[in-house]
PDB file of all heavy atoms in Angstrom:
ATOM      1  N   THR A   1      81.276 261.053  82.951  1.00  0.00           N
ATOM      2  CA  THR A   1      81.373 261.287  84.384  1.00  0.00           C
ATOM      3  C   THR A   1      81.677 262.750  84.654  1.00  0.00           C
ATOM      4  O   THR A   1      82.075 263.500  83.757  1.00  0.00           O
ATOM      5  CB  THR A   1      82.460 260.421  85.026  1.00  0.00           C
ATOM      6  OG1 THR A   1      83.758 260.938  84.666  1.00  0.00           O
ATOM      7  CG2 THR A   1      82.359 258.972  84.566  1.00  0.00           C
ATOM      8  N   ASN A   2      81.526 263.148  85.908  1.00  0.00           N
ATOM      9  CA  ASN A   2      81.824 264.527  86.243  1.00  0.00           C
ATOM     10  C   ASN A   2      83.317 264.829  86.231  1.00  0.00           C
ATOM     11  O   ASN A   2      83.708 265.985  86.408  1.00  0.00           O
ATOM     12  CB  ASN A   2      81.184 264.924  87.584  1.00  0.00           C
ATOM     13  CG  ASN A   2      81.665 264.084  88.750  1.00  0.00           C
ATOM     14  OD1 ASN A   2      82.638 263.342  88.643  1.00  0.00           O
ATOM     15  ND2 ASN A   2      80.981 264.201  89.878  1.00  0.00           N
ATOM     16  N   ALA A   3      84.150 263.811  86.051  1.00  0.00           N
ATOM     17  CA  ALA A   3      85.573 264.003  85.835  1.00  0.00           C
ATOM     18  C   ALA A   3      85.923 264.118  84.360  1.00  0.00           C
ATOM     19  O   ALA A   3      87.094 264.301  84.024  1.00  0.00           O
ATOM     20  CB  ALA A   3      86.367 262.863  86.469  1.00  0.00           C
ATOM     21  N   GLY A   4      84.937 263.983  83.493  1.00  0.00           N
ATOM     22  CA  GLY A   4      85.150 264.166  82.071  1.00  0.00           C
ATOM     23  C   GLY A   4      85.430 262.902  81.287  1.00  0.00           C
ATOM     24  O   GLY A   4      85.727 262.982  80.090  1.00  0.00           O
ATOM     25  N   PHE A   5      85.339 261.736  81.918  1.00  0.00           N
ATOM     26  CA  PHE A   5      85.581 260.484  81.214  1.00  0.00           C
ATOM     27  C   PHE A   5      84.327 260.043  80.489  1.00  0.00           C
ATOM     28  O   PHE A   5      83.250 259.969  81.089  1.00  0.00           O
ATOM     29  CB  PHE A   5      86.050 259.406  82.182  1.00  0.00           C
ATOM     30  CG  PHE A   5      87.379 259.705  82.804  1.00  0.00           C
ATOM     31  CD1 PHE A   5      87.468 260.188  84.095  1.00  0.00           C
ATOM     32  CD2 PHE A   5      88.547 259.498  82.094  1.00  0.00           C
ATOM     33  CE1 PHE A   5      88.690 260.469  84.673  1.00  0.00           C
ATOM     34  CE2 PHE A   5      89.784 259.775  82.661  1.00  0.00           C
ATOM     35  CZ  PHE A   5      89.855 260.265  83.952  1.00  0.00           C
ATOM     36  N   ALA A   6      84.480 259.735  79.234  1.00  0.00           N
ATOM     37  CA  ALA A   6      83.359 259.368  78.385  1.00  0.00           C
ATOM     38  C   ALA A   6      83.494 257.940  77.892  1.00  0.00           C
ATOM     39  O   ALA A   6      84.599 257.445  77.653  1.00  0.00           O
ATOM     40  CB  ALA A   6      83.261 260.319  77.190  1.00  0.00           C
ATOM     41  N   ASN A   7      82.362 257.289  77.737  1.00  0.00           N
ATOM     42  CA  ASN A   7      82.298 255.955  77.159  1.00  0.00           C
ATOM     43  C   ASN A   7      81.145 255.900  76.173  1.00  0.00           C
ATOM     44  O   ASN A   7      80.130 256.584  76.351  1.00  0.00           O
ATOM     45  CB  ASN A   7      82.113 254.888  78.239  1.00  0.00           C
ATOM     46  CG  ASN A   7      83.346 254.691  79.088  1.00  0.00           C
ATOM     47  OD1 ASN A   7      84.311 254.059  78.658  1.00  0.00           O
ATOM     48  ND2 ASN A   7      83.332 255.243  80.295  1.00  0.00           N
ATOM     49  N   TYR A   8      81.308 255.049  75.160  1.00  0.00           N
ATOM     50  CA  TYR A   8      80.339 254.973  74.078  1.00  0.00           C
ATOM     51  C   TYR A   8      79.990 253.539  73.765  1.00  0.00           C
ATOM     52  O   TYR A   8      80.818 252.633  73.882  1.00  0.00           O
ATOM     53  CB  TYR A   8      80.893 255.615  72.806  1.00  0.00           C
ATOM     54  CG  TYR A   8      81.264 257.061  72.957  1.00  0.00           C
ATOM     55  CD1 TYR A   8      82.541 257.438  73.336  1.00  0.00           C
ATOM     56  CD2 TYR A   8      80.324 258.066  72.716  1.00  0.00           C
ATOM     57  CE1 TYR A   8      82.891 258.771  73.479  1.00  0.00           C
ATOM     58  CE2 TYR A   8      80.663 259.398  72.859  1.00  0.00           C
ATOM     59  CZ  TYR A   8      81.948 259.743  73.242  1.00  0.00           C
ATOM     60  OH  TYR A   8      82.276 261.077  73.375  1.00  0.00           O
ATOM     61  N   ALA A   9      78.760 253.346  73.337  1.00  0.00           N
ATOM     62  CA  ALA A   9      78.390 252.070  72.760  1.00  0.00           C
ATOM     63  C   ALA A   9      79.169 251.860  71.469  1.00  0.00           C
ATOM     64  O   ALA A   9      79.491 252.815  70.757  1.00  0.00           O
ATOM     65  CB  ALA A   9      76.891 252.020  72.486  1.00  0.00           C
ATOM     66  N   ASP A  10      79.469 250.606  71.162  1.00  0.00           N
ATOM     67  CA  ASP A  10      80.264 250.311  69.974  1.00  0.00           C
ATOM     68  C   ASP A  10      79.622 250.850  68.701  1.00  0.00           C
ATOM     69  O   ASP A  10      80.328 251.269  67.775  1.00  0.00           O
ATOM     70  CB  ASP A  10      80.486 248.802  69.843  1.00  0.00           C
ATOM     71  CG  ASP A  10      81.479 248.265  70.854  1.00  0.00           C
ATOM     72  OD1 ASP A  10      82.252 249.059  71.423  1.00  0.00           O
ATOM     73  OD2 ASP A  10      81.483 247.041  71.071  1.00  0.00           O
ATOM     74  N   PHE A  11      78.319 250.851  68.649  1.00  0.00           N
ATOM     75  CA  PHE A  11      77.650 251.233  67.413  1.00  0.00           C
ATOM     76  C   PHE A  11      77.659 252.732  67.150  1.00  0.00           C
ATOM     77  O   PHE A  11      77.214 253.163  66.081  1.00  0.00           O
ATOM     78  CB  PHE A  11      76.207 250.688  67.386  1.00  0.00           C
ATOM     79  CG  PHE A  11      75.378 251.015  68.590  1.00  0.00           C
ATOM     80  CD1 PHE A  11      74.761 252.242  68.721  1.00  0.00           C
ATOM     81  CD2 PHE A  11      75.201 250.070  69.590  1.00  0.00           C
ATOM     82  CE1 PHE A  11      73.994 252.545  69.825  1.00  0.00           C
ATOM     83  CE2 PHE A  11      74.426 250.360  70.711  1.00  0.00           C
ATOM     84  CZ  PHE A  11      73.824 251.597  70.826  1.00  0.00           C
ATOM     85  N   VAL A  12      78.181 253.530  68.079  1.00  0.00           N
ATOM     86  CA  VAL A  12      78.283 254.970  67.840  1.00  0.00           C
ATOM     87  C   VAL A  12      79.710 255.489  67.933  1.00  0.00           C
ATOM     88  O   VAL A  12      79.945 256.674  67.666  1.00  0.00           O
ATOM     89  CB  VAL A  12      77.378 255.785  68.785  1.00  0.00           C
ATOM     90  CG1 VAL A  12      75.937 255.329  68.668  1.00  0.00           C
ATOM     91  CG2 VAL A  12      77.875 255.701  70.225  1.00  0.00           C
ATOM     92  N   LYS A  13      80.661 254.634  68.277  1.00  0.00           N
ATOM     93  CA  LYS A  13      82.044 255.078  68.398  1.00  0.00           C
ATOM     94  C   LYS A  13      82.544 255.666  67.087  1.00  0.00           C
ATOM     95  O   LYS A  13      82.350 255.103  66.021  1.00  0.00           O
ATOM     96  CB  LYS A  13      82.944 253.919  68.825  1.00  0.00           C
ATOM     97  CG  LYS A  13      82.851 253.577  70.292  1.00  0.00           C
ATOM     98  CD  LYS A  13      83.825 252.468  70.662  1.00  0.00           C
ATOM     99  CE  LYS A  13      83.762 252.177  72.143  1.00  0.00           C
ATOM    100  NZ  LYS A  13      84.668 251.072  72.527  1.00  0.00           N
ATOM    101  N   GLY A  14      83.192 256.806  67.194  1.00  0.00           N
ATOM    102  CA  GLY A  14      83.697 257.489  66.017  1.00  0.00           C
ATOM    103  C   GLY A  14      82.692 258.384  65.344  1.00  0.00           C
ATOM    104  O   GLY A  14      83.074 259.160  64.460  1.00  0.00           O
ATOM    105  N   ARG A  15      81.431 258.291  65.730  1.00  0.00           N
ATOM    106  CA  ARG A  15      80.385 259.112  65.123  1.00  0.00           C
ATOM    107  C   ARG A  15      79.751 260.094  66.106  1.00  0.00           C
ATOM    108  O   ARG A  15      79.377 261.197  65.711  1.00  0.00           O
ATOM    109  CB  ARG A  15      79.283 258.229  64.532  1.00  0.00           C
ATOM    110  CG  ARG A  15      79.771 257.275  63.451  1.00  0.00           C
ATOM    111  CD  ARG A  15      78.598 256.606  62.741  1.00  0.00           C
ATOM    112  NE  ARG A  15      77.816 255.768  63.657  1.00  0.00           N
ATOM    113  CZ  ARG A  15      76.509 255.930  63.895  1.00  0.00           C
ATOM    114  NH1 ARG A  15      75.830 256.888  63.286  1.00  0.00           N
ATOM    115  NH2 ARG A  15      75.885 255.110  64.732  1.00  0.00           N
ATOM    116  N   PHE A  16      79.616 259.681  67.360  1.00  0.00           N
ATOM    117  CA  PHE A  16      78.960 260.507  68.367  1.00  0.00           C
ATOM    118  C   PHE A  16      79.980 261.000  69.380  1.00  0.00           C
ATOM    119  O   PHE A  16      80.956 260.308  69.688  1.00  0.00           O
ATOM    120  CB  PHE A  16      77.887 259.718  69.125  1.00  0.00           C
ATOM    121  CG  PHE A  16      76.679 259.332  68.320  1.00  0.00           C
ATOM    122  CD1 PHE A  16      76.626 259.507  66.946  1.00  0.00           C
ATOM    123  CD2 PHE A  16      75.574 258.786  68.961  1.00  0.00           C
ATOM    124  CE1 PHE A  16      75.508 259.142  66.215  1.00  0.00           C
ATOM    125  CE2 PHE A  16      74.450 258.415  68.245  1.00  0.00           C
ATOM    126  CZ  PHE A  16      74.414 258.595  66.876  1.00  0.00           C
ATOM    127  N   THR A  17      79.742 262.177  69.923  1.00  0.00           N
ATOM    128  CA  THR A  17      80.580 262.740  70.967  1.00  0.00           C
ATOM    129  C   THR A  17      79.700 263.299  72.071  1.00  0.00           C
ATOM    130  O   THR A  17      78.809 264.115  71.813  1.00  0.00           O
ATOM    131  CB  THR A  17      81.491 263.852  70.422  1.00  0.00           C
ATOM    132  OG1 THR A  17      82.305 263.339  69.362  1.00  0.00           O
ATOM    133  CG2 THR A  17      82.396 264.377  71.530  1.00  0.00           C
ATOM    134  N   ILE A  18      79.954 262.862  73.301  1.00  0.00           N
ATOM    135  CA  ILE A  18      79.220 263.366  74.448  1.00  0.00           C
ATOM    136  C   ILE A  18      80.079 264.401  75.169  1.00  0.00           C
ATOM    137  O   ILE A  18      81.296 264.251  75.271  1.00  0.00           O
ATOM    138  CB  ILE A  18      78.810 262.220  75.401  1.00  0.00           C
ATOM    139  CG1 ILE A  18      77.875 262.726  76.503  1.00  0.00           C
ATOM    140  CG2 ILE A  18      80.025 261.517  75.985  1.00  0.00           C
ATOM    141  CD1 ILE A  18      77.259 261.610  77.339  1.00  0.00           C
ATOM    142  N   SER A  19      79.455 265.441  75.655  1.00  0.00           N
ATOM    143  CA  SER A  19      80.136 266.451  76.440  1.00  0.00           C
ATOM    144  C   SER A  19      79.198 266.930  77.536  1.00  0.00           C
ATOM    145  O   SER A  19      77.975 266.901  77.374  1.00  0.00           O
ATOM    146  CB  SER A  19      80.611 267.621  75.573  1.00  0.00           C
ATOM    147  OG  SER A  19      79.519 268.243  74.916  1.00  0.00           O
ATOM    148  N   GLY A  20      79.772 267.360  78.640  1.00  0.00           N
ATOM    149  CA  GLY A  20      78.956 267.784  79.753  1.00  0.00           C
ATOM    150  C   GLY A  20      79.560 268.940  80.503  1.00  0.00           C
ATOM    151  O   GLY A  20      80.774 269.138  80.504  1.00  0.00           O
ATOM    152  N   ASP A  21      78.700 269.706  81.105  1.00  0.00           N
ATOM    153  CA  ASP A  21      79.085 270.765  82.016  1.00  0.00           C
ATOM    154  C   ASP A  21      78.328 270.485  83.302  1.00  0.00           C
ATOM    155  O   ASP A  21      77.157 270.843  83.441  1.00  0.00           O
ATOM    156  CB  ASP A  21      78.752 272.141  81.447  1.00  0.00           C
ATOM    157  CG  ASP A  21      79.280 273.273  82.311  1.00  0.00           C
ATOM    158  OD1 ASP A  21      79.454 273.068  83.528  1.00  0.00           O
ATOM    159  OD2 ASP A  21      79.517 274.363  81.771  1.00  0.00           O
ATOM    160  N   PHE A  22      79.001 269.836  84.239  1.00  0.00           N
ATOM    161  CA  PHE A  22      78.310 269.368  85.439  1.00  0.00           C
ATOM    162  C   PHE A  22      77.978 270.510  86.387  1.00  0.00           C
ATOM    163  O   PHE A  22      77.042 270.395  87.176  1.00  0.00           O
ATOM    164  CB  PHE A  22      79.123 268.276  86.124  1.00  0.00           C
ATOM    165  CG  PHE A  22      79.038 266.964  85.424  1.00  0.00           C
ATOM    166  CD1 PHE A  22      79.840 266.686  84.330  1.00  0.00           C
ATOM    167  CD2 PHE A  22      78.124 266.002  85.832  1.00  0.00           C
ATOM    168  CE1 PHE A  22      79.749 265.480  83.666  1.00  0.00           C
ATOM    169  CE2 PHE A  22      78.032 264.794  85.182  1.00  0.00           C
ATOM    170  CZ  PHE A  22      78.842 264.531  84.094  1.00  0.00           C
ATOM    171  N   ALA A  23      78.734 271.606  86.321  1.00  0.00           N
ATOM    172  CA  ALA A  23      78.384 272.768  87.126  1.00  0.00           C
ATOM    173  C   ALA A  23      77.073 273.370  86.656  1.00  0.00           C
ATOM    174  O   ALA A  23      76.256 273.816  87.466  1.00  0.00           O
ATOM    175  CB  ALA A  23      79.507 273.801  87.077  1.00  0.00           C
ATOM    176  N   LYS A  24      76.867 273.382  85.344  1.00  0.00           N
ATOM    177  CA  LYS A  24      75.624 273.884  84.781  1.00  0.00           C
ATOM    178  C   LYS A  24      74.555 272.808  84.661  1.00  0.00           C
ATOM    179  O   LYS A  24      73.418 273.123  84.295  1.00  0.00           O
ATOM    180  CB  LYS A  24      75.882 274.506  83.412  1.00  0.00           C
ATOM    181  CG  LYS A  24      76.768 275.735  83.447  1.00  0.00           C
ATOM    182  CD  LYS A  24      76.950 276.315  82.053  1.00  0.00           C
ATOM    183  CE  LYS A  24      77.797 277.569  82.092  1.00  0.00           C
ATOM    184  NZ  LYS A  24      77.992 278.130  80.722  1.00  0.00           N
ATOM    185  N   LYS A  25      74.925 271.574  84.934  1.00  0.00           N
ATOM    186  CA  LYS A  25      73.995 270.438  84.886  1.00  0.00           C
ATOM    187  C   LYS A  25      73.409 270.274  83.488  1.00  0.00           C
ATOM    188  O   LYS A  25      72.194 270.148  83.311  1.00  0.00           O
ATOM    189  CB  LYS A  25      72.899 270.581  85.941  1.00  0.00           C
ATOM    190  CG  LYS A  25      73.433 270.673  87.360  1.00  0.00           C
ATOM    191  CD  LYS A  25      72.319 270.868  88.366  1.00  0.00           C
ATOM    192  CE  LYS A  25      72.848 270.903  89.795  1.00  0.00           C
ATOM    193  NZ  LYS A  25      73.721 272.073  90.033  1.00  0.00           N
ATOM    194  N   THR A  26      74.298 270.289  82.510  1.00  0.00           N
ATOM    195  CA  THR A  26      73.900 270.082  81.133  1.00  0.00           C
ATOM    196  C   THR A  26      74.777 269.014  80.492  1.00  0.00           C
ATOM    197  O   THR A  26      75.910 268.784  80.906  1.00  0.00           O
ATOM    198  CB  THR A  26      74.010 271.372  80.309  1.00  0.00           C
ATOM    199  OG1 THR A  26      75.375 271.806  80.271  1.00  0.00           O
ATOM    200  CG2 THR A  26      73.151 272.475  80.908  1.00  0.00           C
ATOM    201  N   VAL A  27      74.242 268.376  79.484  1.00  0.00           N
ATOM    202  CA  VAL A  27      74.976 267.390  78.711  1.00  0.00           C
ATOM    203  C   VAL A  27      74.504 267.481  77.269  1.00  0.00           C
ATOM    204  O   VAL A  27      73.327 267.772  77.013  1.00  0.00           O
ATOM    205  CB  VAL A  27      74.788 265.965  79.280  1.00  0.00           C
ATOM    206  CG1 VAL A  27      73.335 265.523  79.190  1.00  0.00           C
ATOM    207  CG2 VAL A  27      75.712 264.971  78.590  1.00  0.00           C
ATOM    208  N   SER A  28      75.433 267.245  76.345  1.00  0.00           N
ATOM    209  CA  SER A  28      75.117 267.309  74.931  1.00  0.00           C
ATOM    210  C   SER A  28      75.596 266.044  74.244  1.00  0.00           C
ATOM    211  O   SER A  28      76.485 265.352  74.732  1.00  0.00           O
ATOM    212  CB  SER A  28      75.771 268.529  74.276  1.00  0.00           C
ATOM    213  OG  SER A  28      75.276 269.733  74.813  1.00  0.00           O
TER     214      SER A  28
END
């Protein structure tokens, strides 16, 4: 979310990390 809260599917927890810069409209 644009507040920085992240959620993951169970099959990627602990392996994947999502990050975003909503001002720049990017996500990784």
